[in-house]
Amino acid sequence: MPEAPGNQCPACRIEVDGTTVKVAGELDVSVASALARALDVAFAGGAARIVLDLHEVRFLDASCLEVIHAARYTHDGALEVVGARGIVERVFHISGLGSVLTR
């Protein structure tokens, strides 16, 4: 899978493969713009639905949560969020966004 444009984070990996954006590592303010660009690239392909795969994410802060929320809002819920576990899943639930997660 090709890495997302501008992905310069040593503690994470963001890859776009057609309709899937796969993310690994720690997602914090330093990668929020790279995550937003990756989601933009995926949606620019014209797909009706994009999957954001968080299976390998160990940490997610509010800045990246906002990027995910904004992408879902901008694209009328066409972003499916899968694979959130542990502390990452807890962040979604604490923020009131637990309902966006798909198992």
PDB file of N, CA and C in Angstrom:
ATOM      1  N   MET A   1       0.843  -1.182   0.000  1.00  0.00           N
ATOM      2  CA  MET A   1       0.000   0.000   0.000  1.00  0.00           C
ATOM      3  C   MET A   1       0.885   1.242   0.000  1.00  0.00           C
ATOM      4  N   PRO A   2       0.521   2.242  -0.759  1.00  0.00           N
ATOM      5  CA  PRO A   2       1.304   3.476  -0.742  1.00  0.00           C
ATOM      6  C   PRO A   2       1.050   4.269   0.525  1.00  0.00           C
ATOM      7  N   GLU A   3       2.093   4.913   1.019  1.00  0.00           N
ATOM      8  CA  GLU A   3       1.908   5.771   2.190  1.00  0.00           C
ATOM      9  C   GLU A   3       1.174   7.028   1.780  1.00  0.00           C
ATOM     10  N   ALA A   4       0.467   7.594   2.721  1.00  0.00           N
ATOM     11  CA  ALA A   4      -0.277   8.821   2.468  1.00  0.00           C
ATOM     12  C   ALA A   4       0.698   9.961   2.220  1.00  0.00           C
ATOM     13  N   PRO A   5       0.303  10.936   1.391  1.00  0.00           N
ATOM     14  CA  PRO A   5       1.167  12.082   1.144  1.00  0.00           C
ATOM     15  C   PRO A   5       1.451  12.835   2.429  1.00  0.00           C
ATOM     16  N   GLY A   6       2.696  13.197   2.652  1.00  0.00           N
ATOM     17  CA  GLY A   6       3.063  13.984   3.813  1.00  0.00           C
ATOM     18  C   GLY A   6       3.175  13.203   5.103  1.00  0.00           C
ATOM     19  N   ASN A   7       3.147  11.872   5.046  1.00  0.00           N
ATOM     20  CA  ASN A   7       3.250  11.074   6.262  1.00  0.00           C
ATOM     21  C   ASN A   7       4.702  11.082   6.731  1.00  0.00           C
ATOM     22  N   GLN A   8       5.012  11.905   7.720  1.00  0.00           N
ATOM     23  CA  GLN A   8       6.377  12.064   8.219  1.00  0.00           C
ATOM     24  C   GLN A   8       6.534  11.592   9.658  1.00  0.00           C
ATOM     25  N   CYS A   9       5.588  10.835  10.154  1.00  0.00           N
ATOM     26  CA  CYS A   9       5.566  10.485  11.570  1.00  0.00           C
ATOM     27  C   CYS A   9       6.326   9.192  11.845  1.00  0.00           C
ATOM     28  N   PRO A  10       7.341   9.236  12.710  1.00  0.00           N
ATOM     29  CA  PRO A  10       8.078   8.007  13.024  1.00  0.00           C
ATOM     30  C   PRO A  10       7.301   7.042  13.917  1.00  0.00           C
ATOM     31  N   ALA A  11       6.270   7.525  14.627  1.00  0.00           N
ATOM     32  CA  ALA A  11       5.520   6.671  15.563  1.00  0.00           C
ATOM     33  C   ALA A  11       4.222   6.142  14.960  1.00  0.00           C
ATOM     34  N   CYS A  12       4.007   6.395  13.665  1.00  0.00           N
ATOM     35  CA  CYS A  12       2.775   5.912  13.054  1.00  0.00           C
ATOM     36  C   CYS A  12       2.996   5.609  11.571  1.00  0.00           C
ATOM     37  N   ARG A  13       1.987   4.975  10.988  1.00  0.00           N
ATOM     38  CA  ARG A  13       1.990   4.692   9.553  1.00  0.00           C
ATOM     39  C   ARG A  13       0.576   4.913   9.046  1.00  0.00           C
ATOM     40  N   ILE A  14       0.453   5.632   7.929  1.00  0.00           N
ATOM     41  CA  ILE A  14      -0.848   5.868   7.307  1.00  0.00           C
ATOM     42  C   ILE A  14      -0.729   5.453   5.851  1.00  0.00           C
ATOM     43  N   GLU A  15      -1.569   4.517   5.431  1.00  0.00           N
ATOM     44  CA  GLU A  15      -1.527   4.016   4.060  1.00  0.00           C
ATOM     45  C   GLU A  15      -2.916   4.097   3.442  1.00  0.00           C
ATOM     46  N   VAL A  16      -2.956   4.472   2.163  1.00  0.00           N
ATOM     47  CA  VAL A  16      -4.221   4.530   1.426  1.00  0.00           C
ATOM     48  C   VAL A  16      -4.170   3.475   0.335  1.00  0.00           C
ATOM     49  N   ASP A  17      -5.180   2.612   0.325  1.00  0.00           N
ATOM     50  CA  ASP A  17      -5.275   1.564  -0.695  1.00  0.00           C
ATOM     51  C   ASP A  17      -6.705   1.556  -1.231  1.00  0.00           C
ATOM     52  N   GLY A  18      -6.948   2.333  -2.247  1.00  0.00           N
ATOM     53  CA  GLY A  18      -8.288   2.409  -2.823  1.00  0.00           C
ATOM     54  C   GLY A  18      -9.297   2.966  -1.845  1.00  0.00           C
ATOM     55  N   THR A  19     -10.169   2.119  -1.344  1.00  0.00           N
ATOM     56  CA  THR A  19     -11.226   2.565  -0.438  1.00  0.00           C
ATOM     57  C   THR A  19     -10.900   2.318   1.034  1.00  0.00           C
ATOM     58  N   THR A  20      -9.670   1.953   1.326  1.00  0.00           N
ATOM     59  CA  THR A  20      -9.267   1.701   2.715  1.00  0.00           C
ATOM     60  C   THR A  20      -8.101   2.607   3.101  1.00  0.00           C
ATOM     61  N   VAL A  21      -8.227   3.211   4.272  1.00  0.00           N
ATOM     62  CA  VAL A  21      -7.123   3.959   4.881  1.00  0.00           C
ATOM     63  C   VAL A  21      -6.729   3.165   6.105  1.00  0.00           C
ATOM     64  N   LYS A  22      -5.514   2.622   6.079  1.00  0.00           N
ATOM     65  CA  LYS A  22      -5.025   1.798   7.185  1.00  0.00           C
ATOM     66  C   LYS A  22      -4.016   2.612   7.987  1.00  0.00           C
ATOM     67  N   VAL A  23      -4.236   2.623   9.296  1.00  0.00           N
ATOM     68  CA  VAL A  23      -3.415   3.436  10.181  1.00  0.00           C
ATOM     69  C   VAL A  23      -2.824   2.545  11.263  1.00  0.00           C
ATOM     70  N   ALA A  24      -1.575   2.815  11.644  1.00  0.00           N
ATOM     71  CA  ALA A  24      -0.919   2.044  12.698  1.00  0.00           C
ATOM     72  C   ALA A  24      -0.106   2.977  13.584  1.00  0.00           C
ATOM     73  N   GLY A  25       0.035   2.593  14.841  1.00  0.00           N
ATOM     74  CA  GLY A  25       0.882   3.346  15.762  1.00  0.00           C
ATOM     75  C   GLY A  25       0.109   4.332  16.606  1.00  0.00           C
ATOM     76  N   GLU A  26       0.704   5.496  16.809  1.00  0.00           N
ATOM     77  CA  GLU A  26       0.148   6.525  17.683  1.00  0.00           C
ATOM     78  C   GLU A  26      -0.318   7.715  16.860  1.00  0.00           C
ATOM     79  N   LEU A  27      -1.587   8.059  17.011  1.00  0.00           N
ATOM     80  CA  LEU A  27      -2.170   9.179  16.266  1.00  0.00           C
ATOM     81  C   LEU A  27      -2.373  10.354  17.203  1.00  0.00           C
ATOM     82  N   ASP A  28      -1.567  11.384  17.012  1.00  0.00           N
ATOM     83  CA  ASP A  28      -1.677  12.573  17.842  1.00  0.00           C
ATOM     84  C   ASP A  28      -1.653  13.813  16.957  1.00  0.00           C
ATOM     85  N   VAL A  29      -1.554  14.960  17.577  1.00  0.00           N
ATOM     86  CA  VAL A  29      -1.617  16.225  16.851  1.00  0.00           C
ATOM     87  C   VAL A  29      -0.557  16.312  15.747  1.00  0.00           C
ATOM     88  N   SER A  30       0.560  15.651  15.920  1.00  0.00           N
ATOM     89  CA  SER A  30       1.623  15.732  14.908  1.00  0.00           C
ATOM     90  C   SER A  30       1.266  15.028  13.606  1.00  0.00           C
ATOM     91  N   VAL A  31       0.251  14.172  13.624  1.00  0.00           N
ATOM     92  CA  VAL A  31      -0.147  13.455  12.401  1.00  0.00           C
ATOM     93  C   VAL A  31      -1.572  13.770  11.954  1.00  0.00           C
ATOM     94  N   ALA A  32      -2.245  14.651  12.647  1.00  0.00           N
ATOM     95  CA  ALA A  32      -3.640  14.954  12.306  1.00  0.00           C
ATOM     96  C   ALA A  32      -3.777  15.432  10.864  1.00  0.00           C
ATOM     97  N   SER A  33      -2.893  16.309  10.418  1.00  0.00           N
ATOM     98  CA  SER A  33      -3.009  16.809   9.042  1.00  0.00           C
ATOM     99  C   SER A  33      -2.709  15.711   8.025  1.00  0.00           C
ATOM    100  N   ALA A  34      -1.783  14.808   8.329  1.00  0.00           N
ATOM    101  CA  ALA A  34      -1.495  13.688   7.424  1.00  0.00           C
ATOM    102  C   ALA A  34      -2.684  12.743   7.346  1.00  0.00           C
ATOM    103  N   LEU A  35      -3.361  12.519   8.470  1.00  0.00           N
ATOM    104  CA  LEU A  35      -4.558  11.684   8.474  1.00  0.00           C
ATOM    105  C   LEU A  35      -5.659  12.338   7.643  1.00  0.00           C
ATOM    106  N   ALA A  36      -5.841  13.645   7.810  1.00  0.00           N
ATOM    107  CA  ALA A  36      -6.854  14.364   7.031  1.00  0.00           C
ATOM    108  C   ALA A  36      -6.556  14.273   5.538  1.00  0.00           C
ATOM    109  N   ARG A  37      -5.287  14.440   5.149  1.00  0.00           N
ATOM    110  CA  ARG A  37      -4.905  14.335   3.735  1.00  0.00           C
ATOM    111  C   ARG A  37      -5.158  12.936   3.198  1.00  0.00           C
ATOM    112  N   ALA A  38      -4.847  11.917   3.993  1.00  0.00           N
ATOM    113  CA  ALA A  38      -5.066  10.535   3.559  1.00  0.00           C
ATOM    114  C   ALA A  38      -6.549  10.267   3.322  1.00  0.00           C
ATOM    115  N   LEU A  39      -7.391  10.764   4.205  1.00  0.00           N
ATOM    116  CA  LEU A  39      -8.833  10.590   4.035  1.00  0.00           C
ATOM    117  C   LEU A  39      -9.319  11.359   2.805  1.00  0.00           C
ATOM    118  N   ASP A  40      -8.784  12.558   2.588  1.00  0.00           N
ATOM    119  CA  ASP A  40      -9.140  13.337   1.397  1.00  0.00           C
ATOM    120  C   ASP A  40      -8.753  12.590   0.123  1.00  0.00           C
ATOM    121  N   VAL A  41      -7.555  12.004   0.118  1.00  0.00           N
ATOM    122  CA  VAL A  41      -7.095  11.230  -1.046  1.00  0.00           C
ATOM    123  C   VAL A  41      -8.033  10.065  -1.307  1.00  0.00           C
ATOM    124  N   ALA A  42      -8.416   9.353  -0.259  1.00  0.00           N
ATOM    125  CA  ALA A  42      -9.313   8.208  -0.415  1.00  0.00           C
ATOM    126  C   ALA A  42     -10.669   8.641  -0.969  1.00  0.00           C
ATOM    127  N   PHE A  43     -11.234   9.711  -0.424  1.00  0.00           N
ATOM    128  CA  PHE A  43     -12.541  10.174  -0.895  1.00  0.00           C
ATOM    129  C   PHE A  43     -12.454  10.761  -2.299  1.00  0.00           C
ATOM    130  N   ALA A  44     -11.311  11.314  -2.666  1.00  0.00           N
ATOM    131  CA  ALA A  44     -11.148  11.898  -4.003  1.00  0.00           C
ATOM    132  C   ALA A  44     -11.269  10.839  -5.095  1.00  0.00           C
ATOM    133  N   GLY A  45     -11.084   9.577  -4.749  1.00  0.00           N
ATOM    134  CA  GLY A  45     -11.214   8.490  -5.714  1.00  0.00           C
ATOM    135  C   GLY A  45     -12.651   8.230  -6.141  1.00  0.00           C
ATOM    136  N   GLY A  46     -13.613   8.872  -5.484  1.00  0.00           N
ATOM    137  CA  GLY A  46     -15.002   8.765  -5.883  1.00  0.00           C
ATOM    138  C   GLY A  46     -15.779   7.612  -5.269  1.00  0.00           C
ATOM    139  N   ALA A  47     -15.186   6.892  -4.330  1.00  0.00           N
ATOM    140  CA  ALA A  47     -15.889   5.766  -3.697  1.00  0.00           C
ATOM    141  C   ALA A  47     -17.055   6.274  -2.851  1.00  0.00           C
ATOM    142  N   ALA A  48     -18.099   5.478  -2.797  1.00  0.00           N
ATOM    143  CA  ALA A  48     -19.273   5.833  -1.996  1.00  0.00           C
ATOM    144  C   ALA A  48     -19.000   5.645  -0.506  1.00  0.00           C
ATOM    145  N   ARG A  49     -18.060   4.765  -0.160  1.00  0.00           N
ATOM    146  CA  ARG A  49     -17.749   4.478   1.237  1.00  0.00           C
ATOM    147  C   ARG A  49     -16.251   4.222   1.385  1.00  0.00           C
ATOM    148  N   ILE A  50     -15.673   4.778   2.430  1.00  0.00           N
ATOM    149  CA  ILE A  50     -14.259   4.587   2.756  1.00  0.00           C
ATOM    150  C   ILE A  50     -14.187   3.905   4.118  1.00  0.00           C
ATOM    151  N   VAL A  51     -13.268   2.951   4.251  1.00  0.00           N
ATOM    152  CA  VAL A  51     -13.046   2.261   5.517  1.00  0.00           C
ATOM    153  C   VAL A  51     -11.767   2.805   6.151  1.00  0.00           C
ATOM    154  N   LEU A  52     -11.863   3.228   7.401  1.00  0.00           N
ATOM    155  CA  LEU A  52     -10.700   3.631   8.184  1.00  0.00           C
ATOM    156  C   LEU A  52     -10.392   2.492   9.142  1.00  0.00           C
ATOM    157  N   ASP A  53      -9.280   1.817   8.915  1.00  0.00           N
ATOM    158  CA  ASP A  53      -8.887   0.640   9.686  1.00  0.00           C
ATOM    159  C   ASP A  53      -7.950   1.045  10.819  1.00  0.00           C
ATOM    160  N   LEU A  54      -8.428   0.908  12.053  1.00  0.00           N
ATOM    161  CA  LEU A  54      -7.657   1.301  13.240  1.00  0.00           C
ATOM    162  C   LEU A  54      -7.118   0.096  14.016  1.00  0.00           C
ATOM    163  N   HIS A  55      -7.129  -1.081  13.425  1.00  0.00           N
ATOM    164  CA  HIS A  55      -6.689  -2.299  14.130  1.00  0.00           C
ATOM    165  C   HIS A  55      -5.312  -2.160  14.786  1.00  0.00           C
ATOM    166  N   GLU A  56      -4.400  -1.447  14.147  1.00  0.00           N
ATOM    167  CA  GLU A  56      -3.032  -1.354  14.657  1.00  0.00           C
ATOM    168  C   GLU A  56      -2.731  -0.033  15.362  1.00  0.00           C
ATOM    169  N   VAL A  57      -3.767   0.724  15.711  1.00  0.00           N
ATOM    170  CA  VAL A  57      -3.565   2.003  16.400  1.00  0.00           C
ATOM    171  C   VAL A  57      -3.522   1.760  17.908  1.00  0.00           C
ATOM    172  N   ARG A  58      -2.476   2.289  18.555  1.00  0.00           N
ATOM    173  CA  ARG A  58      -2.284   2.119  19.996  1.00  0.00           C
ATOM    174  C   ARG A  58      -2.740   3.335  20.802  1.00  0.00           C
ATOM    175  N   PHE A  59      -2.824   4.488  20.139  1.00  0.00           N
ATOM    176  CA  PHE A  59      -3.157   5.729  20.834  1.00  0.00           C
ATOM    177  C   PHE A  59      -3.840   6.663  19.849  1.00  0.00           C
ATOM    178  N   LEU A  60      -4.850   7.391  20.321  1.00  0.00           N
ATOM    179  CA  LEU A  60      -5.578   8.348  19.492  1.00  0.00           C
ATOM    180  C   LEU A  60      -5.922   9.543  20.354  1.00  0.00           C
ATOM    181  N   ASP A  61      -5.509  10.744  19.928  1.00  0.00           N
ATOM    182  CA  ASP A  61      -5.854  11.920  20.728  1.00  0.00           C
ATOM    183  C   ASP A  61      -7.014  12.682  20.095  1.00  0.00           C
ATOM    184  N   ALA A  62      -7.416  13.760  20.749  1.00  0.00           N
ATOM    185  CA  ALA A  62      -8.593  14.520  20.324  1.00  0.00           C
ATOM    186  C   ALA A  62      -8.422  15.142  18.949  1.00  0.00           C
ATOM    187  N   SER A  63      -7.200  15.513  18.573  1.00  0.00           N
ATOM    188  CA  SER A  63      -7.009  16.139  17.260  1.00  0.00           C
ATOM    189  C   SER A  63      -7.329  15.162  16.135  1.00  0.00           C
ATOM    190  N   CYS A  64      -6.921  13.923  16.259  1.00  0.00           N
ATOM    191  CA  CYS A  64      -7.218  12.926  15.228  1.00  0.00           C
ATOM    192  C   CYS A  64      -8.665  12.463  15.308  1.00  0.00           C
ATOM    193  N   LEU A  65      -9.224  12.441  16.509  1.00  0.00           N
ATOM    194  CA  LEU A  65     -10.645  12.129  16.658  1.00  0.00           C
ATOM    195  C   LEU A  65     -11.474  13.177  15.914  1.00  0.00           C
ATOM    196  N   GLU A  66     -11.075  14.436  16.018  1.00  0.00           N
ATOM    197  CA  GLU A  66     -11.769  15.516  15.308  1.00  0.00           C
ATOM    198  C   GLU A  66     -11.642  15.353  13.793  1.00  0.00           C
ATOM    199  N   VAL A  67     -10.478  14.937  13.311  1.00  0.00           N
ATOM    200  CA  VAL A  67     -10.294  14.687  11.875  1.00  0.00           C
ATOM    201  C   VAL A  67     -11.265  13.613  11.402  1.00  0.00           C
ATOM    202  N   ILE A  68     -11.374  12.544  12.168  1.00  0.00           N
ATOM    203  CA  ILE A  68     -12.274  11.435  11.810  1.00  0.00           C
ATOM    204  C   ILE A  68     -13.723  11.905  11.823  1.00  0.00           C
ATOM    205  N   HIS A  69     -14.095  12.626  12.869  1.00  0.00           N
ATOM    206  CA  HIS A  69     -15.460  13.142  12.981  1.00  0.00           C
ATOM    207  C   HIS A  69     -15.772  14.095  11.822  1.00  0.00           C
ATOM    208  N   ALA A  70     -14.852  14.985  11.509  1.00  0.00           N
ATOM    209  CA  ALA A  70     -15.058  15.943  10.415  1.00  0.00           C
ATOM    210  C   ALA A  70     -15.211  15.229   9.072  1.00  0.00           C
ATOM    211  N   ALA A  71     -14.410  14.194   8.839  1.00  0.00           N
ATOM    212  CA  ALA A  71     -14.509  13.437   7.582  1.00  0.00           C
ATOM    213  C   ALA A  71     -15.864  12.740   7.479  1.00  0.00           C
ATOM    214  N   ARG A  72     -16.335  12.166   8.579  1.00  0.00           N
ATOM    215  CA  ARG A  72     -17.665  11.519   8.562  1.00  0.00           C
ATOM    216  C   ARG A  72     -18.756  12.553   8.293  1.00  0.00           C
ATOM    217  N   TYR A  73     -18.644  13.705   8.914  1.00  0.00           N
ATOM    218  CA  TYR A  73     -19.645  14.750   8.742  1.00  0.00           C
ATOM    219  C   TYR A  73     -19.626  15.294   7.307  1.00  0.00           C
ATOM    220  N   THR A  74     -18.434  15.603   6.823  1.00  0.00           N
ATOM    221  CA  THR A  74     -18.280  16.166   5.480  1.00  0.00           C
ATOM    222  C   THR A  74     -18.798  15.222   4.399  1.00  0.00           C
ATOM    223  N   HIS A  75     -18.643  13.937   4.625  1.00  0.00           N
ATOM    224  CA  HIS A  75     -19.026  12.942   3.615  1.00  0.00           C
ATOM    225  C   HIS A  75     -20.284  12.173   4.017  1.00  0.00           C
ATOM    226  N   ASP A  76     -21.144  12.821   4.786  1.00  0.00           N
ATOM    227  CA  ASP A  76     -22.455  12.270   5.164  1.00  0.00           C
ATOM    228  C   ASP A  76     -22.381  10.847   5.720  1.00  0.00           C
ATOM    229  N   GLY A  77     -21.412  10.602   6.586  1.00  0.00           N
ATOM    230  CA  GLY A  77     -21.312   9.299   7.240  1.00  0.00           C
ATOM    231  C   GLY A  77     -20.702   8.204   6.388  1.00  0.00           C
ATOM    232  N   ALA A  78     -20.109   8.566   5.256  1.00  0.00           N
ATOM    233  CA  ALA A  78     -19.561   7.561   4.338  1.00  0.00           C
ATOM    234  C   ALA A  78     -18.203   7.017   4.779  1.00  0.00           C
ATOM    235  N   LEU A  79     -17.767   7.365   5.984  1.00  0.00           N
ATOM    236  CA  LEU A  79     -16.517   6.840   6.526  1.00  0.00           C
ATOM    237  C   LEU A  79     -16.859   5.780   7.567  1.00  0.00           C
ATOM    238  N   GLU A  80     -16.460   4.553   7.305  1.00  0.00           N
ATOM    239  CA  GLU A  80     -16.683   3.442   8.232  1.00  0.00           C
ATOM    240  C   GLU A  80     -15.414   3.255   9.061  1.00  0.00           C
ATOM    241  N   VAL A  81     -15.539   3.320  10.372  1.00  0.00           N
ATOM    242  CA  VAL A  81     -14.390   3.207  11.267  1.00  0.00           C
ATOM    243  C   VAL A  81     -14.396   1.807  11.886  1.00  0.00           C
ATOM    244  N   VAL A  82     -13.332   1.040  11.628  1.00  0.00           N
ATOM    245  CA  VAL A  82     -13.259  -0.344  12.109  1.00  0.00           C
ATOM    246  C   VAL A  82     -11.979  -0.573  12.906  1.00  0.00           C
ATOM    247  N   GLY A  83     -12.025  -1.568  13.776  1.00  0.00           N
ATOM    248  CA  GLY A  83     -10.828  -2.054  14.447  1.00  0.00           C
ATOM    249  C   GLY A  83     -10.375  -1.319  15.687  1.00  0.00           C
ATOM    250  N   ALA A  84     -11.142  -0.362  16.181  1.00  0.00           N
ATOM    251  CA  ALA A  84     -10.732   0.343  17.398  1.00  0.00           C
ATOM    252  C   ALA A  84     -10.830  -0.609  18.583  1.00  0.00           C
ATOM    253  N   ARG A  85      -9.744  -0.675  19.360  1.00  0.00           N
ATOM    254  CA  ARG A  85      -9.699  -1.551  20.534  1.00  0.00           C
ATOM    255  C   ARG A  85      -9.048  -0.826  21.698  1.00  0.00           C
ATOM    256  N   GLY A  86      -9.268  -1.356  22.876  1.00  0.00           N
ATOM    257  CA  GLY A  86      -8.595  -0.841  24.067  1.00  0.00           C
ATOM    258  C   GLY A  86      -8.807   0.644  24.273  1.00  0.00           C
ATOM    259  N   ILE A  87      -7.716   1.352  24.526  1.00  0.00           N
ATOM    260  CA  ILE A  87      -7.789   2.783  24.829  1.00  0.00           C
ATOM    261  C   ILE A  87      -8.348   3.577  23.665  1.00  0.00           C
ATOM    262  N   VAL A  88      -8.103   3.132  22.441  1.00  0.00           N
ATOM    263  CA  VAL A  88      -8.620   3.841  21.265  1.00  0.00           C
ATOM    264  C   VAL A  88     -10.151   3.753  21.231  1.00  0.00           C
ATOM    265  N   GLU A  89     -10.676   2.570  21.470  1.00  0.00           N
ATOM    266  CA  GLU A  89     -12.130   2.412  21.519  1.00  0.00           C
ATOM    267  C   GLU A  89     -12.710   3.236  22.662  1.00  0.00           C
ATOM    268  N   ARG A  90     -12.033   3.258  23.780  1.00  0.00           N
ATOM    269  CA  ARG A  90     -12.501   4.013  24.949  1.00  0.00           C
ATOM    270  C   ARG A  90     -12.577   5.511  24.638  1.00  0.00           C
ATOM    271  N   VAL A  91     -11.598   6.036  23.909  1.00  0.00           N
ATOM    272  CA  VAL A  91     -11.605   7.456  23.535  1.00  0.00           C
ATOM    273  C   VAL A  91     -12.859   7.776  22.724  1.00  0.00           C
ATOM    274  N   PHE A  92     -13.207   6.914  21.780  1.00  0.00           N
ATOM    275  CA  PHE A  92     -14.429   7.126  20.993  1.00  0.00           C
ATOM    276  C   PHE A  92     -15.659   7.169  21.895  1.00  0.00           C
ATOM    277  N   HIS A  93     -15.760   6.225  22.831  1.00  0.00           N
ATOM    278  CA  HIS A  93     -16.930   6.161  23.702  1.00  0.00           C
ATOM    279  C   HIS A  93     -16.987   7.342  24.666  1.00  0.00           C
ATOM    280  N   ILE A  94     -15.864   7.703  25.254  1.00  0.00           N
ATOM    281  CA  ILE A  94     -15.832   8.835  26.188  1.00  0.00           C
ATOM    282  C   ILE A  94     -16.232  10.131  25.495  1.00  0.00           C
ATOM    283  N   SER A  95     -15.828  10.274  24.242  1.00  0.00           N
ATOM    284  CA  SER A  95     -16.122  11.498  23.491  1.00  0.00           C
ATOM    285  C   SER A  95     -17.561  11.541  22.970  1.00  0.00           C
ATOM    286  N   GLY A  96     -18.282  10.445  23.133  1.00  0.00           N
ATOM    287  CA  GLY A  96     -19.644  10.386  22.622  1.00  0.00           C
ATOM    288  C   GLY A  96     -19.731   9.932  21.179  1.00  0.00           C
ATOM    289  N   LEU A  97     -18.615   9.486  20.609  1.00  0.00           N
ATOM    290  CA  LEU A  97     -18.586   9.048  19.210  1.00  0.00           C
ATOM    291  C   LEU A  97     -18.510   7.530  19.073  1.00  0.00           C
ATOM    292  N   GLY A  98     -18.805   6.819  20.119  1.00  0.00           N
ATOM    293  CA  GLY A  98     -18.751   5.349  20.064  1.00  0.00           C
ATOM    294  C   GLY A  98     -19.653   4.760  19.016  1.00  0.00           C
ATOM    295  N   SER A  99     -20.728   5.443  18.683  1.00  0.00           N
ATOM    296  CA  SER A  99     -21.684   4.907  17.712  1.00  0.00           C
ATOM    297  C   SER A  99     -21.121   4.870  16.288  1.00  0.00           C
ATOM    298  N   VAL A 100     -20.011   5.562  16.035  1.00  0.00           N
ATOM    299  CA  VAL A 100     -19.438   5.547  14.671  1.00  0.00           C
ATOM    300  C   VAL A 100     -18.599   4.301  14.420  1.00  0.00           C
ATOM    301  N   LEU A 101     -18.293   3.551  15.481  1.00  0.00           N
ATOM    302  CA  LEU A 101     -17.433   2.370  15.343  1.00  0.00           C
ATOM    303  C   LEU A 101     -18.211   1.196  14.780  1.00  0.00           C
ATOM    304  N   THR A 102     -17.558   0.479  13.880  1.00  0.00           N
ATOM    305  CA  THR A 102     -18.110  -0.753  13.319  1.00  0.00           C
ATOM    306  C   THR A 102     -17.195  -1.875  13.772  1.00  0.00           C
ATOM    307  N   ARG A 103     -17.761  -2.959  14.194  1.00  0.00           N
ATOM    308  CA  ARG A 103     -16.933  -4.094  14.659  1.00  0.00           C
ATOM    309  C   ARG A 103     -16.536  -4.955  13.513  1.00  0.00           C
TER     310      ARG A 103
END
